[in-house]
Amino acid sequence: MGISGFDDIKLLSNLELSNEIIKTEKVLFDLRFKKATRQSFKSHEFKIAKCRLAQLKTTLTSRLEIVEQKTSNAVAKLIDKDN
């Protein structure tokens, strides 16, 4: 499992992004738990999971900012029309 690019992530919907974030956070939790209980784990999986989580959160945040901008622009247009 290599570090995936943004190409795979861009194709996901916002709901799928949220689900992937939850799954990736669970993977990180499990890895931390394995480390704390001295079970065997592959240390490079930390880096892969953290990178994937950052990519997912960045994509979701940028999409939400775009939606927020569109909403605020629409509200501003409605206010200008009323005045």
PDB file of N, CA and C in Angstrom:
ATOM      1  N   MET A   1       0.846  -1.171   0.000  1.00  0.00           N
ATOM      2  CA  MET A   1       0.000   0.000   0.000  1.00  0.00           C
ATOM      3  C   MET A   1       0.894   1.238   0.000  1.00  0.00           C
ATOM      4  N   GLY A   2       0.998   1.892  -1.142  1.00  0.00           N
ATOM      5  CA  GLY A   2       1.812   3.083  -1.236  1.00  0.00           C
ATOM      6  C   GLY A   2       1.012   4.317  -0.911  1.00  0.00           C
ATOM      7  N   ILE A   3       1.703   5.439  -0.906  1.00  0.00           N
ATOM      8  CA  ILE A   3       1.040   6.714  -0.651  1.00  0.00           C
ATOM      9  C   ILE A   3       0.215   7.070  -1.880  1.00  0.00           C
ATOM     10  N   SER A   4      -1.074   7.190  -1.709  1.00  0.00           N
ATOM     11  CA  SER A   4      -1.945   7.488  -2.835  1.00  0.00           C
ATOM     12  C   SER A   4      -1.914   8.972  -3.158  1.00  0.00           C
ATOM     13  N   GLY A   5      -2.177   9.270  -4.400  1.00  0.00           N
ATOM     14  CA  GLY A   5      -2.192  10.656  -4.831  1.00  0.00           C
ATOM     15  C   GLY A   5      -3.557  11.277  -4.654  1.00  0.00           C
ATOM     16  N   PHE A   6      -3.627  12.537  -5.006  1.00  0.00           N
ATOM     17  CA  PHE A   6      -4.896  13.251  -4.892  1.00  0.00           C
ATOM     18  C   PHE A   6      -5.893  12.791  -5.955  1.00  0.00           C
ATOM     19  N   ASP A   7      -5.421  12.126  -7.005  1.00  0.00           N
ATOM     20  CA  ASP A   7      -6.319  11.725  -8.086  1.00  0.00           C
ATOM     21  C   ASP A   7      -7.429  10.805  -7.584  1.00  0.00           C
ATOM     22  N   ASP A   8      -7.078   9.863  -6.722  1.00  0.00           N
ATOM     23  CA  ASP A   8      -8.084   8.950  -6.176  1.00  0.00           C
ATOM     24  C   ASP A   8      -9.052   9.685  -5.260  1.00  0.00           C
ATOM     25  N   ILE A   9      -8.526  10.627  -4.517  1.00  0.00           N
ATOM     26  CA  ILE A   9      -9.322  11.334  -3.517  1.00  0.00           C
ATOM     27  C   ILE A   9     -10.274  12.333  -4.171  1.00  0.00           C
ATOM     28  N   LYS A  10      -9.856  12.958  -5.256  1.00  0.00           N
ATOM     29  CA  LYS A  10     -10.698  13.948  -5.924  1.00  0.00           C
ATOM     30  C   LYS A  10     -11.988  13.345  -6.468  1.00  0.00           C
ATOM     31  N   LEU A  11     -11.963  12.054  -6.768  1.00  0.00           N
ATOM     32  CA  LEU A  11     -13.138  11.401  -7.337  1.00  0.00           C
ATOM     33  C   LEU A  11     -14.199  11.078  -6.298  1.00  0.00           C
ATOM     34  N   LEU A  12     -13.857  11.146  -5.019  1.00  0.00           N
ATOM     35  CA  LEU A  12     -14.791  10.811  -3.948  1.00  0.00           C
ATOM     36  C   LEU A  12     -15.765  11.955  -3.681  1.00  0.00           C
ATOM     37  N   SER A  13     -16.976  11.606  -3.274  1.00  0.00           N
ATOM     38  CA  SER A  13     -17.948  12.626  -2.881  1.00  0.00           C
ATOM     39  C   SER A  13     -17.630  13.077  -1.455  1.00  0.00           C
ATOM     40  N   ASN A  14     -18.303  14.109  -0.999  1.00  0.00           N
ATOM     41  CA  ASN A  14     -18.057  14.616   0.353  1.00  0.00           C
ATOM     42  C   ASN A  14     -18.392  13.577   1.416  1.00  0.00           C
ATOM     43  N   LEU A  15     -19.456  12.830   1.211  1.00  0.00           N
ATOM     44  CA  LEU A  15     -19.832  11.780   2.159  1.00  0.00           C
ATOM     45  C   LEU A  15     -18.788  10.667   2.179  1.00  0.00           C
ATOM     46  N   GLU A  16     -18.316  10.287   1.006  1.00  0.00           N
ATOM     47  CA  GLU A  16     -17.274   9.260   0.935  1.00  0.00           C
ATOM     48  C   GLU A  16     -15.973   9.751   1.571  1.00  0.00           C
ATOM     49  N   LEU A  17     -15.679  11.039   1.394  1.00  0.00           N
ATOM     50  CA  LEU A  17     -14.500  11.622   2.031  1.00  0.00           C
ATOM     51  C   LEU A  17     -14.603  11.520   3.549  1.00  0.00           C
ATOM     52  N   SER A  18     -15.761  11.855   4.075  1.00  0.00           N
ATOM     53  CA  SER A  18     -15.964  11.776   5.525  1.00  0.00           C
ATOM     54  C   SER A  18     -15.796  10.349   6.029  1.00  0.00           C
ATOM     55  N   ASN A  19     -16.331   9.395   5.283  1.00  0.00           N
ATOM     56  CA  ASN A  19     -16.186   7.987   5.675  1.00  0.00           C
ATOM     57  C   ASN A  19     -14.728   7.543   5.620  1.00  0.00           C
ATOM     58  N   GLU A  20     -14.002   7.975   4.610  1.00  0.00           N
ATOM     59  CA  GLU A  20     -12.585   7.629   4.493  1.00  0.00           C
ATOM     60  C   GLU A  20     -11.770   8.250   5.626  1.00  0.00           C
ATOM     61  N   ILE A  21     -12.131   9.472   6.022  1.00  0.00           N
ATOM     62  CA  ILE A  21     -11.444  10.123   7.152  1.00  0.00           C
ATOM     63  C   ILE A  21     -11.643   9.301   8.421  1.00  0.00           C
ATOM     64  N   ILE A  22     -12.867   8.852   8.644  1.00  0.00           N
ATOM     65  CA  ILE A  22     -13.161   8.045   9.831  1.00  0.00           C
ATOM     66  C   ILE A  22     -12.377   6.734   9.789  1.00  0.00           C
ATOM     67  N   LYS A  23     -12.341   6.079   8.640  1.00  0.00           N
ATOM     68  CA  LYS A  23     -11.598   4.826   8.508  1.00  0.00           C
ATOM     69  C   LYS A  23     -10.105   5.035   8.756  1.00  0.00           C
ATOM     70  N   THR A  24      -9.556   6.097   8.203  1.00  0.00           N
ATOM     71  CA  THR A  24      -8.128   6.361   8.347  1.00  0.00           C
ATOM     72  C   THR A  24      -7.780   6.699   9.787  1.00  0.00           C
ATOM     73  N   GLU A  25      -8.655   7.453  10.471  1.00  0.00           N
ATOM     74  CA  GLU A  25      -8.419   7.747  11.883  1.00  0.00           C
ATOM     75  C   GLU A  25      -8.474   6.465  12.721  1.00  0.00           C
ATOM     76  N   LYS A  26      -9.346   5.530  12.346  1.00  0.00           N
ATOM     77  CA  LYS A  26      -9.410   4.250  13.047  1.00  0.00           C
ATOM     78  C   LYS A  26      -8.125   3.452  12.824  1.00  0.00           C
ATOM     79  N   VAL A  27      -7.603   3.484  11.607  1.00  0.00           N
ATOM     80  CA  VAL A  27      -6.343   2.792  11.314  1.00  0.00           C
ATOM     81  C   VAL A  27      -5.222   3.376  12.164  1.00  0.00           C
ATOM     82  N   LEU A  28      -5.156   4.703  12.263  1.00  0.00           N
ATOM     83  CA  LEU A  28      -4.137   5.350  13.090  1.00  0.00           C
ATOM     84  C   LEU A  28      -4.293   4.964  14.560  1.00  0.00           C
ATOM     85  N   PHE A  29      -5.522   4.923  15.031  1.00  0.00           N
ATOM     86  CA  PHE A  29      -5.768   4.525  16.418  1.00  0.00           C
ATOM     87  C   PHE A  29      -5.279   3.106  16.665  1.00  0.00           C
ATOM     88  N   ASP A  30      -5.607   2.207  15.737  1.00  0.00           N
ATOM     89  CA  ASP A  30      -5.182   0.814  15.879  1.00  0.00           C
ATOM     90  C   ASP A  30      -3.662   0.695  15.879  1.00  0.00           C
ATOM     91  N   LEU A  31      -3.004   1.477  15.029  1.00  0.00           N
ATOM     92  CA  LEU A  31      -1.541   1.445  14.992  1.00  0.00           C
ATOM     93  C   LEU A  31      -0.945   1.944  16.311  1.00  0.00           C
ATOM     94  N   ARG A  32      -1.524   3.019  16.843  1.00  0.00           N
ATOM     95  CA  ARG A  32      -1.034   3.542  18.117  1.00  0.00           C
ATOM     96  C   ARG A  32      -1.267   2.528  19.245  1.00  0.00           C
ATOM     97  N   PHE A  33      -2.394   1.847  19.187  1.00  0.00           N
ATOM     98  CA  PHE A  33      -2.710   0.846  20.191  1.00  0.00           C
ATOM     99  C   PHE A  33      -1.730  -0.324  20.118  1.00  0.00           C
ATOM    100  N   LYS A  34      -1.431  -0.754  18.893  1.00  0.00           N
ATOM    101  CA  LYS A  34      -0.457  -1.830  18.711  1.00  0.00           C
ATOM    102  C   LYS A  34       0.914  -1.424  19.239  1.00  0.00           C
ATOM    103  N   LYS A  35       1.290  -0.175  18.994  1.00  0.00           N
ATOM    104  CA  LYS A  35       2.586   0.307  19.469  1.00  0.00           C
ATOM    105  C   LYS A  35       2.620   0.336  20.998  1.00  0.00           C
ATOM    106  N   ALA A  36       1.535   0.806  21.606  1.00  0.00           N
ATOM    107  CA  ALA A  36       1.484   0.923  23.064  1.00  0.00           C
ATOM    108  C   ALA A  36       1.491  -0.446  23.747  1.00  0.00           C
ATOM    109  N   THR A  37       0.887  -1.434  23.103  1.00  0.00           N
ATOM    110  CA  THR A  37       0.830  -2.768  23.698  1.00  0.00           C
ATOM    111  C   THR A  37       1.946  -3.679  23.193  1.00  0.00           C
ATOM    112  N   ARG A  38       2.887  -3.097  22.484  1.00  0.00           N
ATOM    113  CA  ARG A  38       4.080  -3.797  21.967  1.00  0.00           C
ATOM    114  C   ARG A  38       3.735  -4.981  21.077  1.00  0.00           C
ATOM    115  N   GLN A  39       2.671  -4.815  20.301  1.00  0.00           N
ATOM    116  CA  GLN A  39       2.345  -5.823  19.295  1.00  0.00           C
ATOM    117  C   GLN A  39       3.144  -5.509  18.043  1.00  0.00           C
ATOM    118  N   SER A  40       3.256  -6.469  17.154  1.00  0.00           N
ATOM    119  CA  SER A  40       4.025  -6.218  15.935  1.00  0.00           C
ATOM    120  C   SER A  40       3.203  -5.347  14.982  1.00  0.00           C
ATOM    121  N   PHE A  41       3.868  -4.398  14.362  1.00  0.00           N
ATOM    122  CA  PHE A  41       3.248  -3.525  13.373  1.00  0.00           C
ATOM    123  C   PHE A  41       4.343  -3.001  12.461  1.00  0.00           C
ATOM    124  N   LYS A  42       3.940  -2.480  11.339  1.00  0.00           N
ATOM    125  CA  LYS A  42       4.895  -1.928  10.391  1.00  0.00           C
ATOM    126  C   LYS A  42       4.921  -0.420  10.588  1.00  0.00           C
ATOM    127  N   SER A  43       6.066   0.090  10.954  1.00  0.00           N
ATOM    128  CA  SER A  43       6.160   1.499  11.336  1.00  0.00           C
ATOM    129  C   SER A  43       5.888   2.443  10.172  1.00  0.00           C
ATOM    130  N   HIS A  44       6.134   2.012   8.944  1.00  0.00           N
ATOM    131  CA  HIS A  44       5.883   2.891   7.806  1.00  0.00           C
ATOM    132  C   HIS A  44       4.390   3.143   7.584  1.00  0.00           C
ATOM    133  N   GLU A  45       3.542   2.310   8.181  1.00  0.00           N
ATOM    134  CA  GLU A  45       2.103   2.503   8.036  1.00  0.00           C
ATOM    135  C   GLU A  45       1.632   3.781   8.729  1.00  0.00           C
ATOM    136  N   PHE A  46       2.366   4.249   9.752  1.00  0.00           N
ATOM    137  CA  PHE A  46       2.049   5.531  10.382  1.00  0.00           C
ATOM    138  C   PHE A  46       2.137   6.651   9.358  1.00  0.00           C
ATOM    139  N   LYS A  47       3.236   6.681   8.644  1.00  0.00           N
ATOM    140  CA  LYS A  47       3.463   7.737   7.657  1.00  0.00           C
ATOM    141  C   LYS A  47       2.396   7.707   6.561  1.00  0.00           C
ATOM    142  N   ILE A  48       2.087   6.516   6.092  1.00  0.00           N
ATOM    143  CA  ILE A  48       1.093   6.384   5.032  1.00  0.00           C
ATOM    144  C   ILE A  48      -0.286   6.845   5.516  1.00  0.00           C
ATOM    145  N   ALA A  49      -0.673   6.436   6.716  1.00  0.00           N
ATOM    146  CA  ALA A  49      -1.994   6.796   7.247  1.00  0.00           C
ATOM    147  C   ALA A  49      -2.081   8.297   7.523  1.00  0.00           C
ATOM    148  N   LYS A  50      -1.015   8.872   8.084  1.00  0.00           N
ATOM    149  CA  LYS A  50      -1.031  10.315   8.364  1.00  0.00           C
ATOM    150  C   LYS A  50      -1.098  11.127   7.079  1.00  0.00           C
ATOM    151  N   CYS A  51      -0.360  10.702   6.077  1.00  0.00           N
ATOM    152  CA  CYS A  51      -0.364  11.409   4.794  1.00  0.00           C
ATOM    153  C   CYS A  51      -1.751  11.319   4.153  1.00  0.00           C
ATOM    154  N   ARG A  52      -2.330  10.149   4.171  1.00  0.00           N
ATOM    155  CA  ARG A  52      -3.672   9.958   3.597  1.00  0.00           C
ATOM    156  C   ARG A  52      -4.705  10.803   4.336  1.00  0.00           C
ATOM    157  N   LEU A  53      -4.605  10.835   5.661  1.00  0.00           N
ATOM    158  CA  LEU A  53      -5.534  11.632   6.458  1.00  0.00           C
ATOM    159  C   LEU A  53      -5.400  13.111   6.116  1.00  0.00           C
ATOM    160  N   ALA A  54      -4.182  13.580   5.970  1.00  0.00           N
ATOM    161  CA  ALA A  54      -3.959  14.989   5.612  1.00  0.00           C
ATOM    162  C   ALA A  54      -4.536  15.303   4.239  1.00  0.00           C
ATOM    163  N   GLN A  55      -4.352  14.396   3.287  1.00  0.00           N
ATOM    164  CA  GLN A  55      -4.895  14.605   1.950  1.00  0.00           C
ATOM    165  C   GLN A  55      -6.416  14.652   1.975  1.00  0.00           C
ATOM    166  N   LEU A  56      -7.021  13.735   2.710  1.00  0.00           N
ATOM    167  CA  LEU A  56      -8.480  13.691   2.798  1.00  0.00           C
ATOM    168  C   LEU A  56      -9.036  14.952   3.438  1.00  0.00           C
ATOM    169  N   LYS A  57      -8.432  15.366   4.553  1.00  0.00           N
ATOM    170  CA  LYS A  57      -8.920  16.556   5.255  1.00  0.00           C
ATOM    171  C   LYS A  57      -8.711  17.818   4.434  1.00  0.00           C
ATOM    172  N   THR A  58      -7.597  17.909   3.723  1.00  0.00           N
ATOM    173  CA  THR A  58      -7.333  19.073   2.880  1.00  0.00           C
ATOM    174  C   THR A  58      -8.368  19.173   1.771  1.00  0.00           C
ATOM    175  N   THR A  59      -8.659  18.053   1.128  1.00  0.00           N
ATOM    176  CA  THR A  59      -9.645  18.044   0.050  1.00  0.00           C
ATOM    177  C   THR A  59     -11.031  18.421   0.564  1.00  0.00           C
ATOM    178  N   LEU A  60     -11.426  17.846   1.682  1.00  0.00           N
ATOM    179  CA  LEU A  60     -12.748  18.143   2.245  1.00  0.00           C
ATOM    180  C   LEU A  60     -12.849  19.606   2.661  1.00  0.00           C
ATOM    181  N   THR A  61     -11.808  20.131   3.281  1.00  0.00           N
ATOM    182  CA  THR A  61     -11.811  21.526   3.715  1.00  0.00           C
ATOM    183  C   THR A  61     -11.898  22.480   2.532  1.00  0.00           C
ATOM    184  N   SER A  62     -11.154  22.204   1.481  1.00  0.00           N
ATOM    185  CA  SER A  62     -11.193  23.089   0.314  1.00  0.00           C
ATOM    186  C   SER A  62     -12.566  23.052  -0.354  1.00  0.00           C
ATOM    187  N   ARG A  63     -13.181  21.874  -0.394  1.00  0.00           N
ATOM    188  CA  ARG A  63     -14.529  21.788  -0.965  1.00  0.00           C
ATOM    189  C   ARG A  63     -15.537  22.558  -0.123  1.00  0.00           C
ATOM    190  N   LEU A  64     -15.428  22.447   1.186  1.00  0.00           N
ATOM    191  CA  LEU A  64     -16.357  23.159   2.061  1.00  0.00           C
ATOM    192  C   LEU A  64     -16.158  24.670   1.976  1.00  0.00           C
ATOM    193  N   GLU A  65     -14.922  25.121   1.804  1.00  0.00           N
ATOM    194  CA  GLU A  65     -14.663  26.554   1.650  1.00  0.00           C
ATOM    195  C   GLU A  65     -15.283  27.079   0.364  1.00  0.00           C
ATOM    196  N   ILE A  66     -15.214  26.293  -0.711  1.00  0.00           N
ATOM    197  CA  ILE A  66     -15.819  26.702  -1.977  1.00  0.00           C
ATOM    198  C   ILE A  66     -17.336  26.819  -1.832  1.00  0.00           C
ATOM    199  N   VAL A  67     -17.948  25.853  -1.161  1.00  0.00           N
ATOM    200  CA  VAL A  67     -19.399  25.892  -0.941  1.00  0.00           C
ATOM    201  C   VAL A  67     -19.765  27.100  -0.088  1.00  0.00           C
ATOM    202  N   GLU A  68     -18.958  27.370   0.941  1.00  0.00           N
ATOM    203  CA  GLU A  68     -19.219  28.508   1.815  1.00  0.00           C
ATOM    204  C   GLU A  68     -19.110  29.829   1.056  1.00  0.00           C
ATOM    205  N   GLN A  69     -18.137  29.934   0.170  1.00  0.00           N
ATOM    206  CA  GLN A  69     -17.975  31.153  -0.627  1.00  0.00           C
ATOM    207  C   GLN A  69     -19.181  31.355  -1.539  1.00  0.00           C
ATOM    208  N   LYS A  70     -19.628  30.287  -2.183  1.00  0.00           N
ATOM    209  CA  LYS A  70     -20.781  30.390  -3.069  1.00  0.00           C
ATOM    210  C   LYS A  70     -22.019  30.819  -2.299  1.00  0.00           C
ATOM    211  N   THR A  71     -22.184  30.266  -1.101  1.00  0.00           N
ATOM    212  CA  THR A  71     -23.341  30.612  -0.281  1.00  0.00           C
ATOM    213  C   THR A  71     -23.285  32.066   0.156  1.00  0.00           C
ATOM    214  N   SER A  72     -22.107  32.518   0.586  1.00  0.00           N
ATOM    215  CA  SER A  72     -21.993  33.902   1.030  1.00  0.00           C
ATOM    216  C   SER A  72     -22.154  34.865  -0.135  1.00  0.00           C
ATOM    217  N   ASN A  73     -21.685  34.483  -1.327  1.00  0.00           N
ATOM    218  CA  ASN A  73     -21.876  35.332  -2.505  1.00  0.00           C
ATOM    219  C   ASN A  73     -23.353  35.423  -2.872  1.00  0.00           C
ATOM    220  N   ALA A  74     -24.068  34.315  -2.759  1.00  0.00           N
ATOM    221  CA  ALA A  74     -25.495  34.314  -3.062  1.00  0.00           C
ATOM    222  C   ALA A  74     -26.252  35.183  -2.064  1.00  0.00           C
ATOM    223  N   VAL A  75     -25.884  35.117  -0.804  1.00  0.00           N
ATOM    224  CA  VAL A  75     -26.537  35.937   0.222  1.00  0.00           C
ATOM    225  C   VAL A  75     -26.237  37.412  -0.025  1.00  0.00           C
ATOM    226  N   ALA A  76     -24.997  37.720  -0.393  1.00  0.00           N
ATOM    227  CA  ALA A  76     -24.624  39.110  -0.667  1.00  0.00           C
ATOM    228  C   ALA A  76     -25.411  39.650  -1.850  1.00  0.00           C
ATOM    229  N   LYS A  77     -25.625  38.842  -2.868  1.00  0.00           N
ATOM    230  CA  LYS A  77     -26.404  39.271  -4.042  1.00  0.00           C
ATOM    231  C   LYS A  77     -27.847  39.531  -3.641  1.00  0.00           C
ATOM    232  N   LEU A  78     -28.407  38.679  -2.785  1.00  0.00           N
ATOM    233  CA  LEU A  78     -29.782  38.879  -2.342  1.00  0.00           C
ATOM    234  C   LEU A  78     -29.907  40.165  -1.518  1.00  0.00           C
ATOM    235  N   ILE A  79     -28.924  40.458  -0.705  1.00  0.00           N
ATOM    236  CA  ILE A  79     -28.953  41.686   0.104  1.00  0.00           C
ATOM    237  C   ILE A  79     -28.856  42.908  -0.797  1.00  0.00           C
ATOM    238  N   ASP A  80     -28.002  42.827  -1.812  1.00  0.00           N
ATOM    239  CA  ASP A  80     -27.857  43.954  -2.741  1.00  0.00           C
ATOM    240  C   ASP A  80     -29.122  44.181  -3.546  1.00  0.00           C
ATOM    241  N   LYS A  81     -29.826  43.103  -3.904  1.00  0.00           N
ATOM    242  CA  LYS A  81     -31.077  43.233  -4.631  1.00  0.00           C
ATOM    243  C   LYS A  81     -32.147  43.932  -3.794  1.00  0.00           C
ATOM    244  N   ASP A  82     -32.190  43.590  -2.502  1.00  0.00           N
ATOM    245  CA  ASP A  82     -33.190  44.172  -1.628  1.00  0.00           C
ATOM    246  C   ASP A  82     -32.943  45.657  -1.394  1.00  0.00           C
ATOM    247  N   ASN A  83     -31.689  46.066  -1.414  1.00  0.00           N
ATOM    248  CA  ASN A  83     -31.354  47.470  -1.169  1.00  0.00           C
ATOM    249  C   ASN A  83     -31.484  48.197  -2.464  1.00  0.00           C
TER     250      ASN A  83
END
